[in-house]
Amino acid sequence: MKPEALMLLEEVRTAIAEIEEFVDYRKGFAIYTDHRPSQIIAERLLEVIGESVKKMMRLDQHIILTDSARIASLRNRIAHDYSNIDHATVYVILTRHLPTLKEEVEALLKEHG
């Protein structure tokens, strides 16, 4: 794996760790939607993850991440259509899809890092 791809995987791992540390999403949707700082942090870090994944897809097409195209697409929606972000969608990503991405990134870093 190219060193640049490893660096991007590290960026994704760091962003996931920061989401887990700073975003209040584990206590339920109502808590998440009532805590604006959590929304802002989650959206920004998902944007970082999406940008890193987008760059990885261009750099090394052998890196397989579940829903990588959708991750990159989310980044574009956050960056370019911010006023229409659906908090329910972001919450579902945090609770259902982020754990899978974390596992895949950790496995790739363990294998290649």
PDB file of N, CA and C in Angstrom:
ATOM      1  N   MET A   1       0.846  -1.175   0.000  1.00  0.00           N
ATOM      2  CA  MET A   1       0.000   0.000   0.000  1.00  0.00           C
ATOM      3  C   MET A   1       0.894   1.241   0.000  1.00  0.00           C
ATOM      4  N   LYS A   2       0.488   2.214  -0.764  1.00  0.00           N
ATOM      5  CA  LYS A   2       1.265   3.447  -0.871  1.00  0.00           C
ATOM      6  C   LYS A   2       1.273   4.198   0.457  1.00  0.00           C
ATOM      7  N   PRO A   3       2.400   4.843   0.766  1.00  0.00           N
ATOM      8  CA  PRO A   3       2.481   5.611   2.019  1.00  0.00           C
ATOM      9  C   PRO A   3       1.393   6.676   2.147  1.00  0.00           C
ATOM     10  N   GLU A   4       1.019   7.293   1.036  1.00  0.00           N
ATOM     11  CA  GLU A   4      -0.037   8.309   1.068  1.00  0.00           C
ATOM     12  C   GLU A   4      -1.372   7.699   1.488  1.00  0.00           C
ATOM     13  N   ALA A   5      -1.625   6.475   1.035  1.00  0.00           N
ATOM     14  CA  ALA A   5      -2.865   5.793   1.402  1.00  0.00           C
ATOM     15  C   ALA A   5      -2.873   5.458   2.896  1.00  0.00           C
ATOM     16  N   LEU A   6      -1.730   5.041   3.413  1.00  0.00           N
ATOM     17  CA  LEU A   6      -1.636   4.770   4.852  1.00  0.00           C
ATOM     18  C   LEU A   6      -1.891   6.040   5.660  1.00  0.00           C
ATOM     19  N   MET A   7      -1.361   7.161   5.191  1.00  0.00           N
ATOM     20  CA  MET A   7      -1.580   8.430   5.873  1.00  0.00           C
ATOM     21  C   MET A   7      -3.070   8.785   5.882  1.00  0.00           C
ATOM     22  N   LEU A   8      -3.753   8.544   4.766  1.00  0.00           N
ATOM     23  CA  LEU A   8      -5.187   8.826   4.684  1.00  0.00           C
ATOM     24  C   LEU A   8      -5.984   7.897   5.590  1.00  0.00           C
ATOM     25  N   LEU A   9      -5.582   6.641   5.679  1.00  0.00           N
ATOM     26  CA  LEU A   9      -6.240   5.717   6.605  1.00  0.00           C
ATOM     27  C   LEU A   9      -6.063   6.182   8.053  1.00  0.00           C
ATOM     28  N   GLU A  10      -4.891   6.692   8.365  1.00  0.00           N
ATOM     29  CA  GLU A  10      -4.657   7.230   9.709  1.00  0.00           C
ATOM     30  C   GLU A  10      -5.558   8.438   9.976  1.00  0.00           C
ATOM     31  N   GLU A  11      -5.748   9.283   8.964  1.00  0.00           N
ATOM     32  CA  GLU A  11      -6.654  10.425   9.116  1.00  0.00           C
ATOM     33  C   GLU A  11      -8.077   9.949   9.424  1.00  0.00           C
ATOM     34  N   VAL A  12      -8.504   8.906   8.728  1.00  0.00           N
ATOM     35  CA  VAL A  12      -9.840   8.366   8.972  1.00  0.00           C
ATOM     36  C   VAL A  12      -9.923   7.799  10.383  1.00  0.00           C
ATOM     37  N   ARG A  13      -8.910   7.038  10.791  1.00  0.00           N
ATOM     38  CA  ARG A  13      -8.914   6.464  12.139  1.00  0.00           C
ATOM     39  C   ARG A  13      -8.965   7.563  13.198  1.00  0.00           C
ATOM     40  N   THR A  14      -8.205   8.619  13.008  1.00  0.00           N
ATOM     41  CA  THR A  14      -8.197   9.731  13.962  1.00  0.00           C
ATOM     42  C   THR A  14      -9.554  10.417  14.019  1.00  0.00           C
ATOM     43  N   ALA A  15     -10.162  10.647  12.861  1.00  0.00           N
ATOM     44  CA  ALA A  15     -11.478  11.297  12.825  1.00  0.00           C
ATOM     45  C   ALA A  15     -12.529  10.440  13.525  1.00  0.00           C
ATOM     46  N   ILE A  16     -12.478   9.141  13.323  1.00  0.00           N
ATOM     47  CA  ILE A  16     -13.421   8.242  14.001  1.00  0.00           C
ATOM     48  C   ILE A  16     -13.209   8.307  15.513  1.00  0.00           C
ATOM     49  N   ALA A  17     -11.957   8.288  15.949  1.00  0.00           N
ATOM     50  CA  ALA A  17     -11.664   8.368  17.384  1.00  0.00           C
ATOM     51  C   ALA A  17     -12.180   9.685  17.972  1.00  0.00           C
ATOM     52  N   GLU A  18     -12.041  10.759  17.228  1.00  0.00           N
ATOM     53  CA  GLU A  18     -12.528  12.056  17.708  1.00  0.00           C
ATOM     54  C   GLU A  18     -14.052  12.093  17.757  1.00  0.00           C
ATOM     55  N   ILE A  19     -14.711  11.464  16.806  1.00  0.00           N
ATOM     56  CA  ILE A  19     -16.172  11.356  16.869  1.00  0.00           C
ATOM     57  C   ILE A  19     -16.573  10.598  18.124  1.00  0.00           C
ATOM     58  N   GLU A  20     -15.916   9.474  18.359  1.00  0.00           N
ATOM     59  CA  GLU A  20     -16.242   8.669  19.537  1.00  0.00           C
ATOM     60  C   GLU A  20     -16.000   9.441  20.832  1.00  0.00           C
ATOM     61  N   GLU A  21     -14.989  10.292  20.845  1.00  0.00           N
ATOM     62  CA  GLU A  21     -14.661  11.031  22.062  1.00  0.00           C
ATOM     63  C   GLU A  21     -15.542  12.262  22.279  1.00  0.00           C
ATOM     64  N   PHE A  22     -15.846  12.992  21.211  1.00  0.00           N
ATOM     65  CA  PHE A  22     -16.452  14.311  21.376  1.00  0.00           C
ATOM     66  C   PHE A  22     -17.922  14.430  20.979  1.00  0.00           C
ATOM     67  N   VAL A  23     -18.458  13.428  20.288  1.00  0.00           N
ATOM     68  CA  VAL A  23     -19.837  13.532  19.799  1.00  0.00           C
ATOM     69  C   VAL A  23     -20.753  12.694  20.687  1.00  0.00           C
ATOM     70  N   ASP A  24     -21.816  13.323  21.156  1.00  0.00           N
ATOM     71  CA  ASP A  24     -22.754  12.678  22.075  1.00  0.00           C
ATOM     72  C   ASP A  24     -23.865  11.997  21.270  1.00  0.00           C
ATOM     73  N   TYR A  25     -23.578  10.802  20.756  1.00  0.00           N
ATOM     74  CA  TYR A  25     -24.565  10.095  19.935  1.00  0.00           C
ATOM     75  C   TYR A  25     -24.979   8.751  20.522  1.00  0.00           C
ATOM     76  N   ARG A  26     -24.291   8.279  21.510  1.00  0.00           N
ATOM     77  CA  ARG A  26     -24.590   6.956  22.065  1.00  0.00           C
ATOM     78  C   ARG A  26     -25.774   6.955  23.016  1.00  0.00           C
ATOM     79  N   LYS A  27     -26.219   8.143  23.427  1.00  0.00           N
ATOM     80  CA  LYS A  27     -27.327   8.232  24.380  1.00  0.00           C
ATOM     81  C   LYS A  27     -28.679   8.368  23.693  1.00  0.00           C
ATOM     82  N   GLY A  28     -28.692   8.320  22.372  1.00  0.00           N
ATOM     83  CA  GLY A  28     -29.949   8.368  21.650  1.00  0.00           C
ATOM     84  C   GLY A  28     -30.057   9.580  20.733  1.00  0.00           C
ATOM     85  N   PHE A  29     -30.985   9.455  19.802  1.00  0.00           N
ATOM     86  CA  PHE A  29     -31.177  10.480  18.779  1.00  0.00           C
ATOM     87  C   PHE A  29     -31.593  11.819  19.374  1.00  0.00           C
ATOM     88  N   ALA A  30     -32.486  11.806  20.353  1.00  0.00           N
ATOM     89  CA  ALA A  30     -32.968  13.062  20.948  1.00  0.00           C
ATOM     90  C   ALA A  30     -31.826  13.832  21.598  1.00  0.00           C
ATOM     91  N   ILE A  31     -30.953  13.137  22.284  1.00  0.00           N
ATOM     92  CA  ILE A  31     -29.799  13.799  22.921  1.00  0.00           C
ATOM     93  C   ILE A  31     -28.894  14.382  21.845  1.00  0.00           C
ATOM     94  N   TYR A  32     -28.643  13.594  20.804  1.00  0.00           N
ATOM     95  CA  TYR A  32     -27.789  14.067  19.709  1.00  0.00           C
ATOM     96  C   TYR A  32     -28.379  15.325  19.065  1.00  0.00           C
ATOM     97  N   THR A  33     -29.657  15.318  18.756  1.00  0.00           N
ATOM     98  CA  THR A  33     -30.251  16.462  18.065  1.00  0.00           C
ATOM     99  C   THR A  33     -30.381  17.690  18.962  1.00  0.00           C
ATOM    100  N   ASP A  34     -30.404  17.487  20.272  1.00  0.00           N
ATOM    101  CA  ASP A  34     -30.468  18.625  21.191  1.00  0.00           C
ATOM    102  C   ASP A  34     -29.096  19.220  21.497  1.00  0.00           C
ATOM    103  N   HIS A  35     -28.038  18.542  21.066  1.00  0.00           N
ATOM    104  CA  HIS A  35     -26.677  18.997  21.384  1.00  0.00           C
ATOM    105  C   HIS A  35     -25.988  19.471  20.102  1.00  0.00           C
ATOM    106  N   ARG A  36     -26.182  20.753  19.809  1.00  0.00           N
ATOM    107  CA  ARG A  36     -25.650  21.332  18.559  1.00  0.00           C
ATOM    108  C   ARG A  36     -24.139  21.136  18.406  1.00  0.00           C
ATOM    109  N   PRO A  37     -23.339  21.279  19.474  1.00  0.00           N
ATOM    110  CA  PRO A  37     -21.900  21.031  19.290  1.00  0.00           C
ATOM    111  C   PRO A  37     -21.593  19.630  18.752  1.00  0.00           C
ATOM    112  N   SER A  38     -22.339  18.622  19.196  1.00  0.00           N
ATOM    113  CA  SER A  38     -22.130  17.264  18.678  1.00  0.00           C
ATOM    114  C   SER A  38     -22.421  17.197  17.189  1.00  0.00           C
ATOM    115  N   GLN A  39     -23.476  17.870  16.760  1.00  0.00           N
ATOM    116  CA  GLN A  39     -23.823  17.879  15.335  1.00  0.00           C
ATOM    117  C   GLN A  39     -22.711  18.518  14.514  1.00  0.00           C
ATOM    118  N   ILE A  40     -22.217  19.658  14.979  1.00  0.00           N
ATOM    119  CA  ILE A  40     -21.172  20.372  14.247  1.00  0.00           C
ATOM    120  C   ILE A  40     -19.902  19.538  14.157  1.00  0.00           C
ATOM    121  N   ILE A  41     -19.503  18.957  15.270  1.00  0.00           N
ATOM    122  CA  ILE A  41     -18.287  18.136  15.293  1.00  0.00           C
ATOM    123  C   ILE A  41     -18.458  16.911  14.395  1.00  0.00           C
ATOM    124  N   ALA A  42     -19.595  16.231  14.501  1.00  0.00           N
ATOM    125  CA  ALA A  42     -19.835  15.039  13.679  1.00  0.00           C
ATOM    126  C   ALA A  42     -19.794  15.380  12.196  1.00  0.00           C
ATOM    127  N   GLU A  43     -20.464  16.456  11.822  1.00  0.00           N
ATOM    128  CA  GLU A  43     -20.508  16.835  10.411  1.00  0.00           C
ATOM    129  C   GLU A  43     -19.109  17.164   9.887  1.00  0.00           C
ATOM    130  N   ARG A  44     -18.343  17.902  10.657  1.00  0.00           N
ATOM    131  CA  ARG A  44     -16.993  18.258  10.222  1.00  0.00           C
ATOM    132  C   ARG A  44     -16.116  17.023  10.099  1.00  0.00           C
ATOM    133  N   LEU A  45     -16.168  16.144  11.073  1.00  0.00           N
ATOM    134  CA  LEU A  45     -15.321  14.957  11.029  1.00  0.00           C
ATOM    135  C   LEU A  45     -15.770  13.968   9.960  1.00  0.00           C
ATOM    136  N   LEU A  46     -17.062  13.887   9.691  1.00  0.00           N
ATOM    137  CA  LEU A  46     -17.525  13.057   8.571  1.00  0.00           C
ATOM    138  C   LEU A  46     -17.062  13.648   7.245  1.00  0.00           C
ATOM    139  N   GLU A  47     -16.976  14.955   7.183  1.00  0.00           N
ATOM    140  CA  GLU A  47     -16.438  15.599   5.985  1.00  0.00           C
ATOM    141  C   GLU A  47     -14.959  15.235   5.799  1.00  0.00           C
ATOM    142  N   VAL A  48     -14.200  15.243   6.889  1.00  0.00           N
ATOM    143  CA  VAL A  48     -12.790  14.847   6.839  1.00  0.00           C
ATOM    144  C   VAL A  48     -12.667  13.394   6.386  1.00  0.00           C
ATOM    145  N   ILE A  49     -13.486  12.524   6.964  1.00  0.00           N
ATOM    146  CA  ILE A  49     -13.467  11.106   6.573  1.00  0.00           C
ATOM    147  C   ILE A  49     -13.789  10.962   5.094  1.00  0.00           C
ATOM    148  N   GLY A  50     -14.821  11.657   4.644  1.00  0.00           N
ATOM    149  CA  GLY A  50     -15.208  11.571   3.232  1.00  0.00           C
ATOM    150  C   GLY A  50     -14.125  12.044   2.296  1.00  0.00           C
ATOM    151  N   GLU A  51     -13.458  13.133   2.639  1.00  0.00           N
ATOM    152  CA  GLU A  51     -12.370  13.645   1.795  1.00  0.00           C
ATOM    153  C   GLU A  51     -11.212  12.661   1.748  1.00  0.00           C
ATOM    154  N   SER A  52     -10.873  12.087   2.890  1.00  0.00           N
ATOM    155  CA  SER A  52      -9.784  11.110   2.929  1.00  0.00           C
ATOM    156  C   SER A  52     -10.118   9.868   2.110  1.00  0.00           C
ATOM    157  N   VAL A  53     -11.348   9.393   2.236  1.00  0.00           N
ATOM    158  CA  VAL A  53     -11.772   8.215   1.476  1.00  0.00           C
ATOM    159  C   VAL A  53     -11.777   8.517  -0.015  1.00  0.00           C
ATOM    160  N   LYS A  54     -12.249   9.694  -0.377  1.00  0.00           N
ATOM    161  CA  LYS A  54     -12.264  10.101  -1.790  1.00  0.00           C
ATOM    162  C   LYS A  54     -10.846  10.097  -2.370  1.00  0.00           C
ATOM    163  N   LYS A  55      -9.896  10.641  -1.622  1.00  0.00           N
ATOM    164  CA  LYS A  55      -8.504  10.656  -2.077  1.00  0.00           C
ATOM    165  C   LYS A  55      -7.937   9.245  -2.174  1.00  0.00           C
ATOM    166  N   MET A  56      -8.276   8.385  -1.196  1.00  0.00           N
ATOM    167  CA  MET A  56      -7.801   7.003  -1.227  1.00  0.00           C
ATOM    168  C   MET A  56      -8.317   6.259  -2.451  1.00  0.00           C
ATOM    169  N   MET A  57      -9.587   6.493  -2.788  1.00  0.00           N
ATOM    170  CA  MET A  57     -10.182   5.815  -3.939  1.00  0.00           C
ATOM    171  C   MET A  57      -9.432   6.184  -5.218  1.00  0.00           C
ATOM    172  N   ARG A  58      -9.012   7.429  -5.315  1.00  0.00           N
ATOM    173  CA  ARG A  58      -8.251   7.858  -6.495  1.00  0.00           C
ATOM    174  C   ARG A  58      -6.828   7.320  -6.464  1.00  0.00           C
ATOM    175  N   LEU A  59      -6.252   7.262  -5.299  1.00  0.00           N
ATOM    176  CA  LEU A  59      -4.851   6.893  -5.133  1.00  0.00           C
ATOM    177  C   LEU A  59      -4.608   5.398  -5.299  1.00  0.00           C
ATOM    178  N   ASP A  60      -5.486   4.592  -4.727  1.00  0.00           N
ATOM    179  CA  ASP A  60      -5.282   3.143  -4.723  1.00  0.00           C
ATOM    180  C   ASP A  60      -6.628   2.438  -4.807  1.00  0.00           C
ATOM    181  N   GLN A  61      -6.974   1.968  -5.979  1.00  0.00           N
ATOM    182  CA  GLN A  61      -8.272   1.343  -6.192  1.00  0.00           C
ATOM    183  C   GLN A  61      -8.357  -0.062  -5.596  1.00  0.00           C
ATOM    184  N   HIS A  62      -7.262  -0.548  -5.049  1.00  0.00           N
ATOM    185  CA  HIS A  62      -7.276  -1.860  -4.405  1.00  0.00           C
ATOM    186  C   HIS A  62      -7.742  -1.792  -2.959  1.00  0.00           C
ATOM    187  N   ILE A  63      -7.837  -0.584  -2.410  1.00  0.00           N
ATOM    188  CA  ILE A  63      -8.339  -0.424  -1.046  1.00  0.00           C
ATOM    189  C   ILE A  63      -9.854  -0.564  -1.090  1.00  0.00           C
ATOM    190  N   ILE A  64     -10.353  -1.527  -0.347  1.00  0.00           N
ATOM    191  CA  ILE A  64     -11.790  -1.797  -0.334  1.00  0.00           C
ATOM    192  C   ILE A  64     -12.365  -1.369   1.017  1.00  0.00           C
ATOM    193  N   LEU A  65     -13.279  -0.410   0.953  1.00  0.00           N
ATOM    194  CA  LEU A  65     -14.035   0.011   2.128  1.00  0.00           C
ATOM    195  C   LEU A  65     -15.513  -0.064   1.779  1.00  0.00           C
ATOM    196  N   THR A  66     -16.298  -0.632   2.667  1.00  0.00           N
ATOM    197  CA  THR A  66     -17.738  -0.708   2.448  1.00  0.00           C
ATOM    198  C   THR A  66     -18.289   0.697   2.238  1.00  0.00           C
ATOM    199  N   ASP A  67     -19.071   0.854   1.197  1.00  0.00           N
ATOM    200  CA  ASP A  67     -19.753   2.135   0.927  1.00  0.00           C
ATOM    201  C   ASP A  67     -18.807   3.303   0.707  1.00  0.00           C
ATOM    202  N   SER A  68     -17.627   3.074   0.151  1.00  0.00           N
ATOM    203  CA  SER A  68     -16.674   4.166  -0.035  1.00  0.00           C
ATOM    204  C   SER A  68     -17.242   5.278  -0.924  1.00  0.00           C
ATOM    205  N   ALA A  69     -17.989   4.930  -1.949  1.00  0.00           N
ATOM    206  CA  ALA A  69     -18.583   5.957  -2.812  1.00  0.00           C
ATOM    207  C   ALA A  69     -19.614   6.784  -2.043  1.00  0.00           C
ATOM    208  N   ARG A  70     -20.376   6.121  -1.187  1.00  0.00           N
ATOM    209  CA  ARG A  70     -21.379   6.847  -0.383  1.00  0.00           C
ATOM    210  C   ARG A  70     -20.713   7.745   0.661  1.00  0.00           C
ATOM    211  N   ILE A  71     -19.577   7.303   1.183  1.00  0.00           N
ATOM    212  CA  ILE A  71     -18.839   8.116   2.150  1.00  0.00           C
ATOM    213  C   ILE A  71     -18.353   9.393   1.471  1.00  0.00           C
ATOM    214  N   ALA A  72     -17.792   9.254   0.278  1.00  0.00           N
ATOM    215  CA  ALA A  72     -17.330  10.421  -0.474  1.00  0.00           C
ATOM    216  C   ALA A  72     -18.501  11.323  -0.843  1.00  0.00           C
ATOM    217  N   SER A  73     -19.617  10.739  -1.197  1.00  0.00           N
ATOM    218  CA  SER A  73     -20.815  11.509  -1.541  1.00  0.00           C
ATOM    219  C   SER A  73     -21.321  12.311  -0.347  1.00  0.00           C
ATOM    220  N   LEU A  74     -21.276  11.721   0.837  1.00  0.00           N
ATOM    221  CA  LEU A  74     -21.690  12.444   2.035  1.00  0.00           C
ATOM    222  C   LEU A  74     -20.807  13.660   2.249  1.00  0.00           C
ATOM    223  N   ARG A  75     -19.527  13.506   2.032  1.00  0.00           N
ATOM    224  CA  ARG A  75     -18.609  14.633   2.159  1.00  0.00           C
ATOM    225  C   ARG A  75     -19.043  15.766   1.248  1.00  0.00           C
ATOM    226  N   ASN A  76     -19.409  15.447   0.023  1.00  0.00           N
ATOM    227  CA  ASN A  76     -19.839  16.480  -0.925  1.00  0.00           C
ATOM    228  C   ASN A  76     -21.125  17.154  -0.468  1.00  0.00           C
ATOM    229  N   ARG A  77     -22.048  16.368   0.064  1.00  0.00           N
ATOM    230  CA  ARG A  77     -23.311  16.957   0.552  1.00  0.00           C
ATOM    231  C   ARG A  77     -23.065  17.888   1.728  1.00  0.00           C
ATOM    232  N   ILE A  78     -22.189  17.483   2.634  1.00  0.00           N
ATOM    233  CA  ILE A  78     -21.893  18.336   3.780  1.00  0.00           C
ATOM    234  C   ILE A  78     -21.211  19.625   3.319  1.00  0.00           C
ATOM    235  N   ALA A  79     -20.267  19.497   2.414  1.00  0.00           N
ATOM    236  CA  ALA A  79     -19.502  20.667   1.968  1.00  0.00           C
ATOM    237  C   ALA A  79     -20.308  21.613   1.092  1.00  0.00           C
ATOM    238  N   HIS A  80     -21.186  21.077   0.260  1.00  0.00           N
ATOM    239  CA  HIS A  80     -21.829  21.911  -0.759  1.00  0.00           C
ATOM    240  C   HIS A  80     -23.322  22.142  -0.549  1.00  0.00           C
ATOM    241  N   ASP A  81     -23.941  21.382   0.349  1.00  0.00           N
ATOM    242  CA  ASP A  81     -25.384  21.532   0.574  1.00  0.00           C
ATOM    243  C   ASP A  81     -25.666  21.524   2.073  1.00  0.00           C
ATOM    244  N   TYR A  82     -24.878  22.292   2.806  1.00  0.00           N
ATOM    245  CA  TYR A  82     -24.880  22.247   4.258  1.00  0.00           C
ATOM    246  C   TYR A  82     -26.253  22.525   4.860  1.00  0.00           C
ATOM    247  N   SER A  83     -26.995  23.435   4.281  1.00  0.00           N
ATOM    248  CA  SER A  83     -28.286  23.811   4.870  1.00  0.00           C
ATOM    249  C   SER A  83     -29.314  22.686   4.794  1.00  0.00           C
ATOM    250  N   ASN A  84     -29.048  21.672   3.992  1.00  0.00           N
ATOM    251  CA  ASN A  84     -29.999  20.570   3.844  1.00  0.00           C
ATOM    252  C   ASN A  84     -29.524  19.266   4.491  1.00  0.00           C
ATOM    253  N   ILE A  85     -28.601  19.362   5.419  1.00  0.00           N
ATOM    254  CA  ILE A  85     -28.125  18.159   6.102  1.00  0.00           C
ATOM    255  C   ILE A  85     -29.250  17.610   6.976  1.00  0.00           C
ATOM    256  N   ASP A  86     -29.488  16.327   6.845  1.00  0.00           N
ATOM    257  CA  ASP A  86     -30.517  15.643   7.619  1.00  0.00           C
ATOM    258  C   ASP A  86     -29.859  15.018   8.846  1.00  0.00           C
ATOM    259  N   HIS A  87     -30.212  15.511  10.025  1.00  0.00           N
ATOM    260  CA  HIS A  87     -29.585  15.019  11.255  1.00  0.00           C
ATOM    261  C   HIS A  87     -29.879  13.547  11.509  1.00  0.00           C
ATOM    262  N   ALA A  88     -31.027  13.077  11.062  1.00  0.00           N
ATOM    263  CA  ALA A  88     -31.352  11.656  11.215  1.00  0.00           C
ATOM    264  C   ALA A  88     -30.399  10.801  10.388  1.00  0.00           C
ATOM    265  N   THR A  89     -30.080  11.255   9.180  1.00  0.00           N
ATOM    266  CA  THR A  89     -29.138  10.525   8.328  1.00  0.00           C
ATOM    267  C   THR A  89     -27.756  10.485   8.963  1.00  0.00           C
ATOM    268  N   VAL A  90     -27.301  11.607   9.460  1.00  0.00           N
ATOM    269  CA  VAL A  90     -25.994  11.662  10.112  1.00  0.00           C
ATOM    270  C   VAL A  90     -25.977  10.734  11.331  1.00  0.00           C
ATOM    271  N   TYR A  91     -27.048  10.749  12.094  1.00  0.00           N
ATOM    272  CA  TYR A  91     -27.128   9.893  13.278  1.00  0.00           C
ATOM    273  C   TYR A  91     -27.054   8.411  12.892  1.00  0.00           C
ATOM    274  N   VAL A  92     -27.747   8.032  11.851  1.00  0.00           N
ATOM    275  CA  VAL A  92     -27.703   6.639  11.386  1.00  0.00           C
ATOM    276  C   VAL A  92     -26.289   6.276  10.946  1.00  0.00           C
ATOM    277  N   ILE A  93     -25.631   7.178  10.276  1.00  0.00           N
ATOM    278  CA  ILE A  93     -24.246   6.923   9.860  1.00  0.00           C
ATOM    279  C   ILE A  93     -23.362   6.700  11.089  1.00  0.00           C
ATOM    280  N   LEU A  94     -23.523   7.549  12.081  1.00  0.00           N
ATOM    281  CA  LEU A  94     -22.713   7.424  13.299  1.00  0.00           C
ATOM    282  C   LEU A  94     -22.959   6.109  14.021  1.00  0.00           C
ATOM    283  N   THR A  95     -24.209   5.710  14.117  1.00  0.00           N
ATOM    284  CA  THR A  95     -24.544   4.536  14.927  1.00  0.00           C
ATOM    285  C   THR A  95     -24.454   3.219  14.180  1.00  0.00           C
ATOM    286  N   ARG A  96     -24.722   3.221  12.882  1.00  0.00           N
ATOM    287  CA  ARG A  96     -24.767   1.956  12.140  1.00  0.00           C
ATOM    288  C   ARG A  96     -23.580   1.728  11.211  1.00  0.00           C
ATOM    289  N   HIS A  97     -23.069   2.785  10.613  1.00  0.00           N
ATOM    290  CA  HIS A  97     -22.046   2.609   9.574  1.00  0.00           C
ATOM    291  C   HIS A  97     -20.629   2.909  10.052  1.00  0.00           C
ATOM    292  N   LEU A  98     -20.481   3.812  10.996  1.00  0.00           N
ATOM    293  CA  LEU A  98     -19.150   4.155  11.486  1.00  0.00           C
ATOM    294  C   LEU A  98     -18.426   2.971  12.118  1.00  0.00           C
ATOM    295  N   PRO A  99     -19.112   2.111  12.896  1.00  0.00           N
ATOM    296  CA  PRO A  99     -18.406   0.950  13.459  1.00  0.00           C
ATOM    297  C   PRO A  99     -17.807   0.031  12.382  1.00  0.00           C
ATOM    298  N   THR A 100     -18.512  -0.157  11.283  1.00  0.00           N
ATOM    299  CA  THR A 100     -17.987  -0.995  10.191  1.00  0.00           C
ATOM    300  C   THR A 100     -16.759  -0.344   9.569  1.00  0.00           C
ATOM    301  N   LEU A 101     -16.850   0.956   9.309  1.00  0.00           N
ATOM    302  CA  LEU A 101     -15.705   1.668   8.747  1.00  0.00           C
ATOM    303  C   LEU A 101     -14.508   1.581   9.684  1.00  0.00           C
ATOM    304  N   LYS A 102     -14.740   1.740  10.959  1.00  0.00           N
ATOM    305  CA  LYS A 102     -13.654   1.650  11.936  1.00  0.00           C
ATOM    306  C   LYS A 102     -12.973   0.285  11.873  1.00  0.00           C
ATOM    307  N   GLU A 103     -13.757  -0.773  11.842  1.00  0.00           N
ATOM    308  CA  GLU A 103     -13.196  -2.125  11.761  1.00  0.00           C
ATOM    309  C   GLU A 103     -12.367  -2.309  10.499  1.00  0.00           C
ATOM    310  N   GLU A 104     -12.884  -1.840   9.380  1.00  0.00           N
ATOM    311  CA  GLU A 104     -12.173  -1.998   8.105  1.00  0.00           C
ATOM    312  C   GLU A 104     -10.872  -1.211   8.091  1.00  0.00           C
ATOM    313  N   VAL A 105     -10.906   0.011   8.597  1.00  0.00           N
ATOM    314  CA  VAL A 105      -9.698   0.845   8.640  1.00  0.00           C
ATOM    315  C   VAL A 105      -8.659   0.215   9.562  1.00  0.00           C
ATOM    316  N   GLU A 106      -9.099  -0.230  10.729  1.00  0.00           N
ATOM    317  CA  GLU A 106      -8.170  -0.875  11.664  1.00  0.00           C
ATOM    318  C   GLU A 106      -7.526  -2.110  11.030  1.00  0.00           C
ATOM    319  N   ALA A 107      -8.314  -2.908  10.326  1.00  0.00           N
ATOM    320  CA  ALA A 107      -7.782  -4.116   9.686  1.00  0.00           C
ATOM    321  C   ALA A 107      -6.767  -3.768   8.604  1.00  0.00           C
ATOM    322  N   LEU A 108      -7.078  -2.760   7.801  1.00  0.00           N
ATOM    323  CA  LEU A 108      -6.132  -2.337   6.752  1.00  0.00           C
ATOM    324  C   LEU A 108      -4.843  -1.807   7.346  1.00  0.00           C
ATOM    325  N   LEU A 109      -4.943  -1.019   8.398  1.00  0.00           N
ATOM    326  CA  LEU A 109      -3.730  -0.489   9.031  1.00  0.00           C
ATOM    327  C   LEU A 109      -2.919  -1.598   9.690  1.00  0.00           C
ATOM    328  N   LYS A 110      -3.604  -2.562  10.269  1.00  0.00           N
ATOM    329  CA  LYS A 110      -2.895  -3.688  10.887  1.00  0.00           C
ATOM    330  C   LYS A 110      -2.168  -4.509   9.811  1.00  0.00           C
ATOM    331  N   GLU A 111      -2.834  -4.706   8.692  1.00  0.00           N
ATOM    332  CA  GLU A 111      -2.272  -5.511   7.608  1.00  0.00           C
ATOM    333  C   GLU A 111      -1.120  -4.802   6.890  1.00  0.00           C
ATOM    334  N   HIS A 112      -1.261  -3.498   6.663  1.00  0.00           N
ATOM    335  CA  HIS A 112      -0.304  -2.768   5.829  1.00  0.00           C
ATOM    336  C   HIS A 112       0.553  -1.760   6.584  1.00  0.00           C
ATOM    337  N   GLY A 113       0.158  -1.440   7.812  1.00  0.00           N
ATOM    338  CA  GLY A 113       0.849  -0.372   8.535  1.00  0.00           C
ATOM    339  C   GLY A 113       1.990  -0.843   9.305  1.00  0.00           C
TER     340      GLY A 113
END
